Amino acid sequence: MSLLRVAGRPMLASMFIAGGLHSYRRPQDVAPAAEPVVRPLTERVSALPDGTEQLVKISGAVQVVGGVLLGIGRFPRLSALAIAATVVPTTLAAHRFWEAEDPGERAQQRIQFLKNLSMLGGLLIAADDTGSAPSVLWRGRHAAHELRRDARLVRRSVRATARPATAAGSVRAKLAH
């Protein structure tokens, strides 16, 4: 594993571990800001719990677990995707700069929104990073290519040996008569 991955993954994960711990331990601090995003989400997805604080705790737990796994390099692609799934609603709930009246507050929320957007980009890159190992898709395509190549070789071999075998068989048949 490259030094950049060893250093970069924990750095990226640190913000989500800290933020996730806060959301999990003190969901009441985050729930009021999350309400405008949670309500429409729970109306559309019946599998989600109705309570805003419950969803905030779940999101926090996903961020902590995903952050730890990403930081130590275990299931980094899956953990980055899981964290990314929590960043979108978190960003939309907590940094609604377009609703801020005060220009200073609007600027601050815009900065936080763009910071989260940047971190989401980093997570998407991490989710796509195979760690220099071929992806499952590449391995599947490569295996299919190798199978086609082996089948062509077998077909050529059968054709090459079938003609002489046929000729030898007909000579043997003529000699047996």
N, C-alpha and C. Protein backbone atom coordinates (compact mmCIF):
# COMPACT_ATOMS: atom_id res chain seq x y z
N MET A 1 0.86 -1.18 0.00
CA MET A 1 0.00 0.00 0.00
C MET A 1 0.90 1.23 0.00
N SER A 2 0.48 2.22 -0.75
CA SER A 2 1.32 3.41 -0.86
C SER A 2 1.25 4.25 0.42
N LEU A 3 2.30 5.02 0.63
CA LEU A 3 2.37 5.90 1.78
C LEU A 3 1.24 6.94 1.77
N LEU A 4 0.86 7.38 0.56
CA LEU A 4 -0.23 8.35 0.47
C LEU A 4 -1.55 7.77 0.98
N ARG A 5 -1.81 6.50 0.67
CA ARG A 5 -3.03 5.87 1.17
C ARG A 5 -2.96 5.68 2.68
N VAL A 6 -1.80 5.23 3.16
CA VAL A 6 -1.62 4.99 4.59
C VAL A 6 -1.85 6.27 5.38
N ALA A 7 -1.38 7.39 4.87
CA ALA A 7 -1.54 8.67 5.57
C ALA A 7 -2.88 9.32 5.25
N GLY A 8 -3.30 9.24 4.01
CA GLY A 8 -4.49 9.97 3.57
C GLY A 8 -5.81 9.42 4.10
N ARG A 9 -5.95 8.11 4.17
CA ARG A 9 -7.21 7.54 4.64
C ARG A 9 -7.54 7.95 6.07
N PRO A 10 -6.61 7.83 7.02
CA PRO A 10 -6.94 8.28 8.38
C PRO A 10 -7.22 9.78 8.46
N MET A 11 -6.52 10.56 7.65
CA MET A 11 -6.76 12.01 7.65
C MET A 11 -8.18 12.30 7.18
N LEU A 12 -8.59 11.63 6.11
CA LEU A 12 -9.95 11.82 5.59
C LEU A 12 -10.98 11.32 6.60
N ALA A 13 -10.68 10.21 7.25
CA ALA A 13 -11.63 9.60 8.19
C ALA A 13 -11.79 10.38 9.48
N SER A 14 -10.78 11.12 9.90
CA SER A 14 -10.79 11.77 11.21
C SER A 14 -11.99 12.68 11.42
N MET A 15 -12.35 13.45 10.42
CA MET A 15 -13.47 14.37 10.55
C MET A 15 -14.79 13.61 10.77
N PHE A 16 -14.92 12.48 10.11
CA PHE A 16 -16.17 11.72 10.22
C PHE A 16 -16.25 10.99 11.55
N ILE A 17 -15.12 10.54 12.07
CA ILE A 17 -15.12 9.90 13.38
C ILE A 17 -15.51 10.92 14.45
N ALA A 18 -14.90 12.10 14.41
CA ALA A 18 -15.21 13.13 15.40
C ALA A 18 -16.65 13.60 15.27
N GLY A 19 -17.09 13.90 14.07
CA GLY A 19 -18.46 14.36 13.86
C GLY A 19 -19.48 13.29 14.17
N GLY A 20 -19.16 12.06 13.80
CA GLY A 20 -20.06 10.94 14.06
C GLY A 20 -20.22 10.67 15.55
N LEU A 21 -19.12 10.76 16.29
CA LEU A 21 -19.20 10.59 17.75
C LEU A 21 -20.10 11.65 18.38
N HIS A 22 -19.95 12.88 17.92
CA HIS A 22 -20.80 13.95 18.46
C HIS A 22 -22.27 13.70 18.14
N SER A 23 -22.56 13.32 16.90
CA SER A 23 -23.96 13.05 16.51
C SER A 23 -24.53 11.87 17.27
N TYR A 24 -23.72 10.85 17.52
CA TYR A 24 -24.20 9.67 18.22
C TYR A 24 -24.44 9.96 19.70
N ARG A 25 -23.50 10.67 20.32
CA ARG A 25 -23.61 10.96 21.76
C ARG A 25 -24.63 12.03 22.09
N ARG A 26 -24.75 13.04 21.22
CA ARG A 26 -25.64 14.17 21.51
C ARG A 26 -26.53 14.46 20.30
N PRO A 27 -27.41 13.53 19.95
CA PRO A 27 -28.27 13.75 18.77
C PRO A 27 -29.19 14.95 18.94
N GLN A 28 -29.50 15.32 20.16
CA GLN A 28 -30.38 16.46 20.38
C GLN A 28 -29.74 17.77 19.91
N ASP A 29 -28.41 17.82 19.84
CA ASP A 29 -27.74 19.02 19.33
C ASP A 29 -27.91 19.17 17.82
N VAL A 30 -28.02 18.07 17.14
CA VAL A 30 -28.04 18.06 15.67
C VAL A 30 -29.46 17.93 15.12
N ALA A 31 -30.36 17.33 15.88
CA ALA A 31 -31.71 17.02 15.40
C ALA A 31 -32.48 18.24 14.86
N PRO A 32 -32.46 19.40 15.50
CA PRO A 32 -33.22 20.52 14.95
C PRO A 32 -32.77 20.93 13.55
N ALA A 33 -31.48 20.91 13.31
CA ALA A 33 -30.98 21.26 11.97
C ALA A 33 -31.29 20.17 10.96
N ALA A 34 -31.35 18.91 11.43
CA ALA A 34 -31.59 17.78 10.53
C ALA A 34 -33.06 17.64 10.14
N GLU A 35 -33.95 18.19 10.93
CA GLU A 35 -35.39 18.01 10.72
C GLU A 35 -35.86 18.34 9.29
N PRO A 36 -35.44 19.44 8.66
CA PRO A 36 -35.94 19.74 7.32
C PRO A 36 -35.55 18.69 6.27
N VAL A 37 -34.50 17.95 6.51
CA VAL A 37 -34.08 16.92 5.56
C VAL A 37 -34.65 15.56 5.95
N VAL A 38 -34.74 15.31 7.25
CA VAL A 38 -35.21 14.01 7.74
C VAL A 38 -36.67 13.78 7.40
N ARG A 39 -37.51 14.76 7.61
CA ARG A 39 -38.95 14.57 7.41
C ARG A 39 -39.27 14.12 5.97
N PRO A 40 -38.81 14.83 4.92
CA PRO A 40 -39.10 14.35 3.56
C PRO A 40 -38.47 12.98 3.26
N LEU A 41 -37.34 12.72 3.86
CA LEU A 41 -36.65 11.44 3.64
C LEU A 41 -37.45 10.29 4.24
N THR A 42 -37.94 10.45 5.46
CA THR A 42 -38.70 9.38 6.11
C THR A 42 -40.06 9.18 5.45
N GLU A 43 -40.60 10.22 4.83
CA GLU A 43 -41.87 10.07 4.12
C GLU A 43 -41.69 9.22 2.85
N ARG A 44 -40.52 9.32 2.23
CA ARG A 44 -40.26 8.58 0.99
C ARG A 44 -39.72 7.17 1.23
N VAL A 45 -38.97 7.00 2.31
CA VAL A 45 -38.34 5.70 2.59
C VAL A 45 -38.94 5.15 3.88
N SER A 46 -39.84 4.20 3.72
CA SER A 46 -40.56 3.68 4.88
C SER A 46 -39.68 2.85 5.82
N ALA A 47 -38.56 2.35 5.35
CA ALA A 47 -37.68 1.52 6.18
C ALA A 47 -36.95 2.34 7.25
N LEU A 48 -36.88 3.65 7.08
CA LEU A 48 -36.17 4.50 8.03
C LEU A 48 -37.05 4.79 9.25
N PRO A 49 -36.43 4.89 10.42
CA PRO A 49 -37.22 5.26 11.61
C PRO A 49 -37.72 6.69 11.49
N ASP A 50 -38.86 6.96 12.12
CA ASP A 50 -39.48 8.28 12.02
C ASP A 50 -38.79 9.34 12.86
N GLY A 51 -38.16 8.95 13.95
CA GLY A 51 -37.55 9.91 14.86
C GLY A 51 -36.27 10.52 14.30
N THR A 52 -36.21 11.85 14.33
CA THR A 52 -35.04 12.55 13.82
C THR A 52 -33.81 12.20 14.64
N GLU A 53 -33.95 12.14 15.96
CA GLU A 53 -32.79 11.83 16.80
C GLU A 53 -32.28 10.42 16.52
N GLN A 54 -33.19 9.49 16.24
CA GLN A 54 -32.76 8.12 15.90
C GLN A 54 -31.94 8.12 14.62
N LEU A 55 -32.41 8.84 13.62
CA LEU A 55 -31.68 8.90 12.36
C LEU A 55 -30.34 9.60 12.51
N VAL A 56 -30.28 10.61 13.34
CA VAL A 56 -29.02 11.31 13.60
C VAL A 56 -28.04 10.34 14.26
N LYS A 57 -28.53 9.53 15.21
CA LYS A 57 -27.66 8.55 15.88
C LYS A 57 -27.18 7.49 14.89
N ILE A 58 -28.07 7.03 14.02
CA ILE A 58 -27.68 6.03 13.02
C ILE A 58 -26.63 6.60 12.09
N SER A 59 -26.86 7.81 11.63
CA SER A 59 -25.90 8.47 10.75
C SER A 59 -24.56 8.64 11.45
N GLY A 60 -24.58 9.03 12.72
CA GLY A 60 -23.35 9.17 13.49
C GLY A 60 -22.63 7.84 13.64
N ALA A 61 -23.37 6.78 13.90
CA ALA A 61 -22.76 5.46 14.05
C ALA A 61 -22.12 5.00 12.73
N VAL A 62 -22.81 5.25 11.62
CA VAL A 62 -22.26 4.89 10.31
C VAL A 62 -20.97 5.67 10.07
N GLN A 63 -20.96 6.94 10.43
CA GLN A 63 -19.75 7.74 10.23
C GLN A 63 -18.60 7.25 11.11
N VAL A 64 -18.89 6.89 12.34
CA VAL A 64 -17.82 6.41 13.23
C VAL A 64 -17.27 5.08 12.73
N VAL A 65 -18.15 4.13 12.49
CA VAL A 65 -17.70 2.80 12.05
C VAL A 65 -17.01 2.90 10.69
N GLY A 66 -17.64 3.61 9.76
CA GLY A 66 -17.03 3.79 8.45
C GLY A 66 -15.71 4.53 8.53
N GLY A 67 -15.63 5.54 9.38
CA GLY A 67 -14.40 6.29 9.54
C GLY A 67 -13.27 5.45 10.12
N VAL A 68 -13.59 4.64 11.12
CA VAL A 68 -12.56 3.77 11.70
C VAL A 68 -12.09 2.76 10.66
N LEU A 69 -13.02 2.13 9.96
CA LEU A 69 -12.64 1.15 8.94
C LEU A 69 -11.83 1.80 7.81
N LEU A 70 -12.24 2.97 7.38
CA LEU A 70 -11.49 3.68 6.35
C LEU A 70 -10.10 4.05 6.86
N GLY A 71 -10.03 4.52 8.09
CA GLY A 71 -8.77 4.95 8.67
C GLY A 71 -7.76 3.82 8.81
N ILE A 72 -8.22 2.62 9.14
CA ILE A 72 -7.30 1.49 9.30
C ILE A 72 -7.14 0.70 8.01
N GLY A 73 -7.87 1.10 6.97
CA GLY A 73 -7.71 0.45 5.67
C GLY A 73 -8.47 -0.85 5.50
N ARG A 74 -9.47 -1.10 6.34
CA ARG A 74 -10.30 -2.30 6.21
C ARG A 74 -11.57 -1.93 5.47
N PHE A 75 -11.88 -2.64 4.42
CA PHE A 75 -13.03 -2.35 3.57
C PHE A 75 -13.10 -0.87 3.21
N PRO A 76 -12.01 -0.31 2.73
CA PRO A 76 -11.97 1.14 2.50
C PRO A 76 -12.98 1.62 1.47
N ARG A 77 -13.22 0.85 0.44
CA ARG A 77 -14.15 1.29 -0.60
C ARG A 77 -15.58 1.31 -0.06
N LEU A 78 -15.95 0.24 0.62
CA LEU A 78 -17.30 0.16 1.18
C LEU A 78 -17.51 1.21 2.27
N SER A 79 -16.51 1.37 3.12
CA SER A 79 -16.67 2.36 4.20
C SER A 79 -16.74 3.78 3.65
N ALA A 80 -15.96 4.07 2.61
CA ALA A 80 -16.03 5.41 2.00
C ALA A 80 -17.41 5.65 1.40
N LEU A 81 -17.99 4.64 0.77
CA LEU A 81 -19.35 4.79 0.22
C LEU A 81 -20.38 4.99 1.32
N ALA A 82 -20.24 4.24 2.41
CA ALA A 82 -21.19 4.38 3.53
C ALA A 82 -21.13 5.78 4.12
N ILE A 83 -19.92 6.28 4.31
CA ILE A 83 -19.78 7.63 4.84
C ILE A 83 -20.34 8.64 3.86
N ALA A 84 -20.06 8.46 2.57
CA ALA A 84 -20.57 9.39 1.55
C ALA A 84 -22.10 9.45 1.58
N ALA A 85 -22.73 8.32 1.84
CA ALA A 85 -24.19 8.30 1.91
C ALA A 85 -24.71 9.14 3.07
N THR A 86 -23.91 9.32 4.12
CA THR A 86 -24.35 10.15 5.24
C THR A 86 -24.00 11.62 5.04
N VAL A 87 -23.01 11.89 4.21
CA VAL A 87 -22.56 13.28 4.02
C VAL A 87 -23.60 14.10 3.27
N VAL A 88 -24.26 13.52 2.31
CA VAL A 88 -25.22 14.28 1.50
C VAL A 88 -26.35 14.85 2.37
N PRO A 89 -27.10 14.01 3.11
CA PRO A 89 -28.16 14.61 3.94
C PRO A 89 -27.62 15.51 5.05
N THR A 90 -26.45 15.16 5.60
CA THR A 90 -25.85 15.99 6.64
C THR A 90 -25.54 17.38 6.11
N THR A 91 -24.97 17.44 4.94
CA THR A 91 -24.62 18.73 4.33
C THR A 91 -25.87 19.53 4.01
N LEU A 92 -26.86 18.86 3.44
CA LEU A 92 -28.09 19.56 3.08
C LEU A 92 -28.84 20.06 4.31
N ALA A 93 -28.69 19.36 5.43
CA ALA A 93 -29.39 19.78 6.64
C ALA A 93 -28.63 20.86 7.40
N ALA A 94 -27.33 20.72 7.52
CA ALA A 94 -26.57 21.58 8.42
C ALA A 94 -26.05 22.86 7.77
N HIS A 95 -25.93 22.88 6.47
CA HIS A 95 -25.28 24.03 5.83
C HIS A 95 -26.14 24.61 4.71
N ARG A 96 -27.32 25.03 5.07
CA ARG A 96 -28.28 25.58 4.12
C ARG A 96 -28.00 27.08 3.93
N PHE A 97 -26.90 27.37 3.28
CA PHE A 97 -26.46 28.76 3.12
C PHE A 97 -27.47 29.59 2.34
N TRP A 98 -28.23 28.97 1.48
CA TRP A 98 -29.20 29.69 0.66
C TRP A 98 -30.37 30.22 1.49
N GLU A 99 -30.52 29.73 2.71
CA GLU A 99 -31.59 30.22 3.58
C GLU A 99 -31.11 31.27 4.58
N ALA A 100 -29.80 31.46 4.70
CA ALA A 100 -29.26 32.40 5.69
C ALA A 100 -29.53 33.84 5.26
N GLU A 101 -30.01 34.63 6.21
CA GLU A 101 -30.32 36.04 5.94
C GLU A 101 -29.08 36.92 6.07
N ASP A 102 -28.32 36.68 7.13
CA ASP A 102 -27.13 37.49 7.42
C ASP A 102 -26.02 37.15 6.42
N PRO A 103 -25.42 38.16 5.74
CA PRO A 103 -24.36 37.90 4.76
C PRO A 103 -23.15 37.16 5.37
N GLY A 104 -22.81 37.46 6.60
CA GLY A 104 -21.69 36.78 7.26
C GLY A 104 -22.01 35.31 7.51
N GLU A 105 -23.22 35.06 7.99
CA GLU A 105 -23.67 33.68 8.24
C GLU A 105 -23.77 32.92 6.92
N ARG A 106 -24.29 33.58 5.89
CA ARG A 106 -24.40 32.96 4.57
C ARG A 106 -23.02 32.55 4.04
N ALA A 107 -22.04 33.43 4.18
CA ALA A 107 -20.68 33.14 3.72
C ALA A 107 -20.09 31.97 4.52
N GLN A 108 -20.30 31.96 5.81
CA GLN A 108 -19.77 30.88 6.65
C GLN A 108 -20.41 29.55 6.29
N GLN A 109 -21.71 29.53 6.09
CA GLN A 109 -22.41 28.29 5.73
C GLN A 109 -22.00 27.82 4.33
N ARG A 110 -21.76 28.75 3.43
CA ARG A 110 -21.31 28.38 2.08
C ARG A 110 -19.94 27.70 2.15
N ILE A 111 -19.05 28.25 2.98
CA ILE A 111 -17.73 27.64 3.17
C ILE A 111 -17.87 26.22 3.72
N GLN A 112 -18.72 26.05 4.72
CA GLN A 112 -18.92 24.71 5.30
C GLN A 112 -19.55 23.76 4.28
N PHE A 113 -20.49 24.28 3.50
CA PHE A 113 -21.12 23.47 2.45
C PHE A 113 -20.07 23.00 1.45
N LEU A 114 -19.22 23.91 0.99
CA LEU A 114 -18.19 23.56 0.01
C LEU A 114 -17.13 22.63 0.63
N LYS A 115 -16.84 22.80 1.91
CA LYS A 115 -15.92 21.89 2.59
C LYS A 115 -16.49 20.48 2.57
N ASN A 116 -17.76 20.35 2.90
CA ASN A 116 -18.39 19.03 2.89
C ASN A 116 -18.44 18.46 1.48
N LEU A 117 -18.69 19.32 0.50
CA LEU A 117 -18.70 18.88 -0.88
C LEU A 117 -17.32 18.35 -1.28
N SER A 118 -16.28 19.03 -0.84
CA SER A 118 -14.91 18.58 -1.11
C SER A 118 -14.63 17.25 -0.44
N MET A 119 -15.07 17.09 0.79
CA MET A 119 -14.87 15.82 1.49
C MET A 119 -15.65 14.70 0.82
N LEU A 120 -16.83 15.02 0.30
CA LEU A 120 -17.60 14.03 -0.45
C LEU A 120 -16.83 13.60 -1.69
N GLY A 121 -16.20 14.55 -2.36
CA GLY A 121 -15.36 14.20 -3.51
C GLY A 121 -14.22 13.29 -3.11
N GLY A 122 -13.57 13.57 -1.99
CA GLY A 122 -12.50 12.70 -1.50
C GLY A 122 -13.00 11.30 -1.19
N LEU A 123 -14.19 11.22 -0.61
CA LEU A 123 -14.78 9.91 -0.31
C LEU A 123 -15.09 9.14 -1.59
N LEU A 124 -15.59 9.83 -2.60
CA LEU A 124 -15.89 9.16 -3.86
C LEU A 124 -14.62 8.65 -4.53
N ILE A 125 -13.55 9.43 -4.44
CA ILE A 125 -12.26 8.97 -4.97
C ILE A 125 -11.79 7.74 -4.18
N ALA A 126 -11.92 7.79 -2.86
CA ALA A 126 -11.52 6.65 -2.02
C ALA A 126 -12.36 5.42 -2.33
N ALA A 127 -13.64 5.63 -2.61
CA ALA A 127 -14.51 4.51 -2.93
C ALA A 127 -14.15 3.86 -4.27
N ASP A 128 -13.54 4.63 -5.14
CA ASP A 128 -13.14 4.11 -6.45
C ASP A 128 -11.72 3.57 -6.44
N ASP A 129 -10.96 3.85 -5.40
CA ASP A 129 -9.55 3.46 -5.32
C ASP A 129 -9.43 1.97 -5.01
N THR A 130 -8.81 1.24 -5.92
CA THR A 130 -8.63 -0.20 -5.71
C THR A 130 -7.34 -0.53 -4.98
N GLY A 131 -6.58 0.47 -4.59
CA GLY A 131 -5.34 0.24 -3.87
C GLY A 131 -4.30 -0.46 -4.72
N SER A 132 -4.26 -0.12 -5.98
CA SER A 132 -3.33 -0.69 -6.96
C SER A 132 -3.64 -2.14 -7.31
N ALA A 133 -4.67 -2.70 -6.74
CA ALA A 133 -5.08 -4.06 -7.10
C ALA A 133 -6.16 -3.94 -8.17
N PRO A 134 -6.21 -4.90 -9.06
CA PRO A 134 -7.26 -4.84 -10.09
C PRO A 134 -8.64 -4.92 -9.45
N SER A 135 -9.57 -4.20 -10.03
CA SER A 135 -10.93 -4.23 -9.51
C SER A 135 -11.60 -5.55 -9.88
N VAL A 136 -12.70 -5.84 -9.24
CA VAL A 136 -13.45 -7.06 -9.53
C VAL A 136 -13.92 -7.04 -10.98
N LEU A 137 -14.34 -5.88 -11.45
CA LEU A 137 -14.79 -5.76 -12.84
C LEU A 137 -13.64 -6.09 -13.79
N TRP A 138 -12.45 -5.54 -13.55
CA TRP A 138 -11.31 -5.83 -14.41
C TRP A 138 -10.96 -7.31 -14.37
N ARG A 139 -10.96 -7.89 -13.16
CA ARG A 139 -10.63 -9.31 -13.04
C ARG A 139 -11.64 -10.18 -13.78
N GLY A 140 -12.91 -9.80 -13.72
CA GLY A 140 -13.94 -10.55 -14.46
C GLY A 140 -13.73 -10.46 -15.95
N ARG A 141 -13.48 -9.26 -16.44
CA ARG A 141 -13.23 -9.09 -17.88
C ARG A 141 -11.98 -9.83 -18.31
N HIS A 142 -10.94 -9.76 -17.50
CA HIS A 142 -9.69 -10.44 -17.82
C HIS A 142 -9.90 -11.96 -17.85
N ALA A 143 -10.64 -12.50 -16.90
CA ALA A 143 -10.92 -13.94 -16.86
C ALA A 143 -11.72 -14.37 -18.08
N ALA A 144 -12.72 -13.54 -18.47
CA ALA A 144 -13.51 -13.86 -19.66
C ALA A 144 -12.63 -13.85 -20.91
N HIS A 145 -11.74 -12.88 -21.00
CA HIS A 145 -10.82 -12.80 -22.14
C HIS A 145 -9.92 -14.04 -22.18
N GLU A 146 -9.40 -14.45 -21.03
CA GLU A 146 -8.54 -15.63 -20.96
C GLU A 146 -9.32 -16.89 -21.35
N LEU A 147 -10.58 -16.99 -20.93
CA LEU A 147 -11.40 -18.15 -21.31
C LEU A 147 -11.63 -18.21 -22.81
N ARG A 148 -11.91 -17.04 -23.42
CA ARG A 148 -12.09 -17.00 -24.88
C ARG A 148 -10.81 -17.41 -25.59
N ARG A 149 -9.68 -16.93 -25.09
CA ARG A 149 -8.39 -17.27 -25.68
C ARG A 149 -8.11 -18.77 -25.55
N ASP A 150 -8.38 -19.33 -24.38
CA ASP A 150 -8.18 -20.77 -24.19
C ASP A 150 -9.10 -21.59 -25.09
N ALA A 151 -10.34 -21.13 -25.26
CA ALA A 151 -11.29 -21.84 -26.13
C ALA A 151 -10.81 -21.82 -27.58
N ARG A 152 -10.26 -20.69 -28.03
CA ARG A 152 -9.71 -20.63 -29.40
C ARG A 152 -8.54 -21.60 -29.57
N LEU A 153 -7.67 -21.66 -28.54
CA LEU A 153 -6.53 -22.58 -28.61
C LEU A 153 -6.99 -24.03 -28.66
N VAL A 154 -7.98 -24.38 -27.87
CA VAL A 154 -8.52 -25.74 -27.88
C VAL A 154 -9.13 -26.05 -29.23
N ARG A 155 -9.89 -25.10 -29.78
CA ARG A 155 -10.52 -25.30 -31.09
C ARG A 155 -9.46 -25.53 -32.16
N ARG A 156 -8.40 -24.72 -32.17
CA ARG A 156 -7.31 -24.89 -33.14
C ARG A 156 -6.62 -26.23 -32.96
N SER A 157 -6.40 -26.60 -31.72
CA SER A 157 -5.74 -27.87 -31.44
C SER A 157 -6.57 -29.05 -31.93
N VAL A 158 -7.88 -28.97 -31.68
CA VAL A 158 -8.77 -30.05 -32.14
C VAL A 158 -8.77 -30.12 -33.66
N ARG A 159 -8.85 -28.97 -34.32
CA ARG A 159 -8.83 -28.96 -35.79
C ARG A 159 -7.51 -29.51 -36.32
N ALA A 160 -6.42 -29.11 -35.70
CA ALA A 160 -5.09 -29.53 -36.17
C ALA A 160 -4.90 -31.03 -35.99
N THR A 161 -5.43 -31.60 -34.93
CA THR A 161 -5.24 -33.04 -34.70
C THR A 161 -6.35 -33.87 -35.32
N ALA A 162 -7.48 -33.28 -35.64
CA ALA A 162 -8.60 -34.04 -36.19
C ALA A 162 -8.30 -34.52 -37.61
N ARG A 163 -7.70 -33.69 -38.44
CA ARG A 163 -7.41 -34.09 -39.83
C ARG A 163 -6.44 -35.26 -39.90
N PRO A 164 -5.29 -35.15 -39.22
CA PRO A 164 -4.39 -36.32 -39.27
C PRO A 164 -5.01 -37.57 -38.64
N ALA A 165 -5.80 -37.39 -37.59
CA ALA A 165 -6.44 -38.54 -36.96
C ALA A 165 -7.44 -39.18 -37.90
N THR A 166 -8.18 -38.36 -38.64
CA THR A 166 -9.15 -38.88 -39.62
C THR A 166 -8.41 -39.62 -40.73
N ALA A 167 -7.34 -39.03 -41.21
CA ALA A 167 -6.56 -39.68 -42.27
C ALA A 167 -5.98 -40.99 -41.78
N ALA A 168 -5.45 -41.01 -40.58
CA ALA A 168 -4.88 -42.25 -40.03
C ALA A 168 -5.96 -43.30 -39.85
N GLY A 169 -7.12 -42.87 -39.42
CA GLY A 169 -8.22 -43.82 -39.25
C GLY A 169 -8.67 -44.42 -40.56
N SER A 170 -8.73 -43.62 -41.61
CA SER A 170 -9.15 -44.17 -42.92
C SER A 170 -8.09 -45.10 -43.49
N VAL A 171 -6.80 -44.78 -43.25
CA VAL A 171 -5.72 -45.68 -43.71
C VAL A 171 -5.81 -46.99 -42.96
N ARG A 172 -6.03 -46.91 -41.66
CA ARG A 172 -6.14 -48.12 -40.86
C ARG A 172 -7.33 -48.96 -41.31
N ALA A 173 -8.44 -48.29 -41.64
CA ALA A 173 -9.63 -49.00 -42.08
C ALA A 173 -9.38 -49.71 -43.40
N LYS A 174 -8.64 -49.06 -44.30
CA LYS A 174 -8.33 -49.67 -45.60
C LYS A 174 -7.41 -50.85 -45.43
N LEU A 175 -6.46 -50.75 -44.52
CA LEU A 175 -5.54 -51.84 -44.29
C LEU A 175 -6.22 -53.02 -43.59
N ALA A 176 -7.23 -52.76 -42.82
CA ALA A 176 -7.93 -53.82 -42.10
C ALA A 176 -8.78 -54.63 -43.05
N HIS A 177 -9.14 -54.13 -44.21
CA HIS A 177 -10.00 -54.87 -45.15
C HIS A 177 -9.22 -55.81 -45.91
